[in-house]
Amino acid sequence: MADFTALDVNEKNLFDEVTTASVAAAAASQTIDMTGFKELTLYVRNVDAAADAYVTINKGDGITSGIGDRVEICKHAYTSVIKISDTERHCVRSTGVITVELNDSAGTALAADILSDITLIAIRR
């Protein structure tokens, strides 16, 4: 499965790694708690030899959610950095989470053999 790490940037602009208890088991779909944070940057590393990863940041239920989901492609054998400054668009207000999915071009969750080639790091600020 995909490696998943969450990092927080504290008030001194230093990284604090989130405890593994607050990170969902590595999977094609991750929820990231944005309570107390306003910015999210995703670092996606895809070392698969052939498969592209479609990174979908689901729309939330905020005022700008009508814009819809955001989909970015992390090509095979590449690394992508995705900055999300409009977290209101993607955050579910009742839970404070943003959902990120790793899909194929058809919108289906990536297979386990491809997920094993993906590293996802979420940096909250």
Protein backbone atom coordinates (compact mmCIF):
# COMPACT_ATOMS: atom_id res chain seq x y z
CA MET A 1 0.00 0.00 0.00
CA ALA A 2 1.00 3.63 -0.35
CA ASP A 3 3.30 5.10 2.24
CA PHE A 4 1.51 7.98 3.96
CA THR A 5 3.04 10.56 6.29
CA ALA A 6 1.54 13.73 7.71
CA LEU A 7 3.75 16.63 8.73
CA ASP A 8 2.76 19.82 10.53
CA VAL A 9 4.60 23.11 10.29
CA ASN A 10 4.60 24.70 13.72
CA GLU A 11 4.76 28.39 14.60
CA LYS A 12 8.57 28.31 14.27
CA ASN A 13 8.29 26.94 10.70
CA LEU A 14 9.70 23.59 11.80
CA PHE A 15 8.21 20.24 10.86
CA ASP A 16 6.46 18.09 13.46
CA GLU A 17 5.71 14.55 12.31
CA VAL A 18 2.18 13.52 13.25
CA THR A 19 1.90 10.37 15.30
CA THR A 20 0.96 7.30 13.28
CA ALA A 21 -2.20 6.93 15.37
CA SER A 22 -3.64 10.01 13.66
CA VAL A 23 -2.86 8.74 10.16
CA ALA A 24 -5.21 6.26 8.48
CA ALA A 25 -3.78 2.94 7.37
CA ALA A 26 -2.04 3.41 4.05
CA ALA A 27 -4.74 3.16 1.41
CA ALA A 28 -5.95 4.67 -1.86
CA SER A 29 -8.13 7.08 0.13
CA GLN A 30 -6.86 9.23 3.00
CA THR A 31 -8.62 11.75 5.21
CA ILE A 32 -6.49 14.59 6.52
CA ASP A 33 -7.70 16.49 9.58
CA MET A 34 -7.30 20.20 8.88
CA THR A 35 -8.56 21.43 12.25
CA GLY A 36 -6.39 24.42 13.19
CA PHE A 37 -4.64 24.54 9.80
CA LYS A 38 -5.26 26.71 6.74
CA GLU A 39 -2.88 25.35 4.10
CA LEU A 40 -2.12 21.89 2.79
CA THR A 41 0.72 20.79 0.53
CA LEU A 42 0.80 17.25 -0.85
CA TYR A 43 4.07 15.64 -1.93
CA VAL A 44 3.33 12.68 -4.20
CA ARG A 45 6.14 10.42 -5.39
CA ASN A 46 5.26 7.80 -8.00
CA VAL A 47 8.04 5.31 -8.74
CA ASP A 48 5.83 2.95 -10.76
CA ALA A 49 7.31 2.16 -14.17
CA ALA A 50 4.10 2.62 -16.17
CA ALA A 51 1.05 3.75 -14.18
CA ASP A 52 0.12 7.39 -13.59
CA ALA A 53 -1.56 8.34 -10.31
CA TYR A 54 -4.56 10.67 -10.46
CA VAL A 55 -4.62 12.54 -7.15
CA THR A 56 -8.18 13.64 -6.39
CA ILE A 57 -8.78 16.17 -3.63
CA ASN A 58 -12.49 15.81 -3.00
CA LYS A 59 -14.74 18.84 -2.72
CA GLY A 60 -16.02 19.63 0.74
CA ASP A 61 -19.22 21.37 1.75
CA GLY A 62 -17.95 24.93 2.21
CA ILE A 63 -19.01 28.02 0.31
CA THR A 64 -16.54 27.42 -2.54
CA SER A 65 -17.17 23.66 -2.81
CA GLY A 66 -19.30 24.23 -5.91
CA ILE A 67 -16.06 24.47 -7.87
CA GLY A 68 -15.81 20.69 -7.40
CA ASP A 69 -13.05 18.17 -6.92
CA ARG A 70 -9.48 18.95 -7.88
CA VAL A 71 -7.62 16.32 -9.87
CA GLU A 72 -3.86 16.41 -10.45
CA ILE A 73 -1.83 13.82 -12.32
CA CYS A 74 1.41 12.43 -10.89
CA LYS A 75 3.01 10.77 -13.91
CA HIS A 76 4.82 7.47 -13.54
CA ALA A 77 8.44 7.86 -12.39
CA TYR A 78 7.77 11.47 -11.30
CA THR A 79 7.21 13.49 -8.14
CA SER A 80 4.46 16.10 -7.83
CA VAL A 81 3.97 18.84 -5.28
CA ILE A 82 0.37 20.03 -4.93
CA LYS A 83 -0.35 23.16 -2.90
CA ILE A 84 -3.91 23.66 -1.69
CA SER A 85 -4.39 27.20 -0.44
CA ASP A 86 -8.20 27.08 -0.75
CA THR A 87 -8.74 24.42 1.92
CA GLU A 88 -12.29 25.76 2.45
CA ARG A 89 -13.19 24.34 -0.98
CA HIS A 90 -12.15 20.83 0.03
CA CYS A 91 -12.86 20.69 3.77
CA VAL A 92 -15.96 19.02 5.22
CA ARG A 93 -17.07 21.56 7.82
CA SER A 94 -18.64 19.10 10.28
CA THR A 95 -15.50 16.97 10.55
CA GLY A 96 -12.71 19.34 9.49
CA VAL A 97 -11.20 16.78 7.12
CA ILE A 98 -10.06 16.78 3.51
CA THR A 99 -10.23 13.51 1.57
CA VAL A 100 -7.47 12.65 -0.90
CA GLU A 101 -7.83 9.71 -3.28
CA LEU A 102 -5.24 7.97 -5.46
CA ASN A 103 -6.98 6.76 -8.62
CA ASP A 104 -6.31 5.58 -12.15
CA SER A 105 -7.45 7.47 -15.26
CA ALA A 106 -10.93 5.90 -14.98
CA GLY A 107 -11.39 7.22 -11.42
CA THR A 108 -10.98 3.78 -9.84
CA ALA A 109 -8.77 3.32 -6.77
CA LEU A 110 -5.23 2.30 -7.68
CA ALA A 111 -4.46 -1.41 -7.43
CA ALA A 112 -2.33 -2.61 -4.51
CA ASP A 113 0.73 -3.29 -6.69
CA ILE A 114 0.68 0.32 -7.94
CA LEU A 115 -0.10 1.78 -4.52
CA SER A 116 3.06 0.16 -3.21
CA ASP A 117 4.98 2.48 -5.55
CA ILE A 118 3.36 5.68 -4.24
CA THR A 119 4.57 7.88 -1.39
CA LEU A 120 2.14 10.54 -0.14
CA ILE A 121 3.25 13.20 2.34
CA ALA A 122 0.75 15.76 3.60
CA ILE A 123 2.21 18.98 5.01
CA ARG A 124 -0.27 21.07 7.01
CA ARG A 125 0.33 24.67 7.95
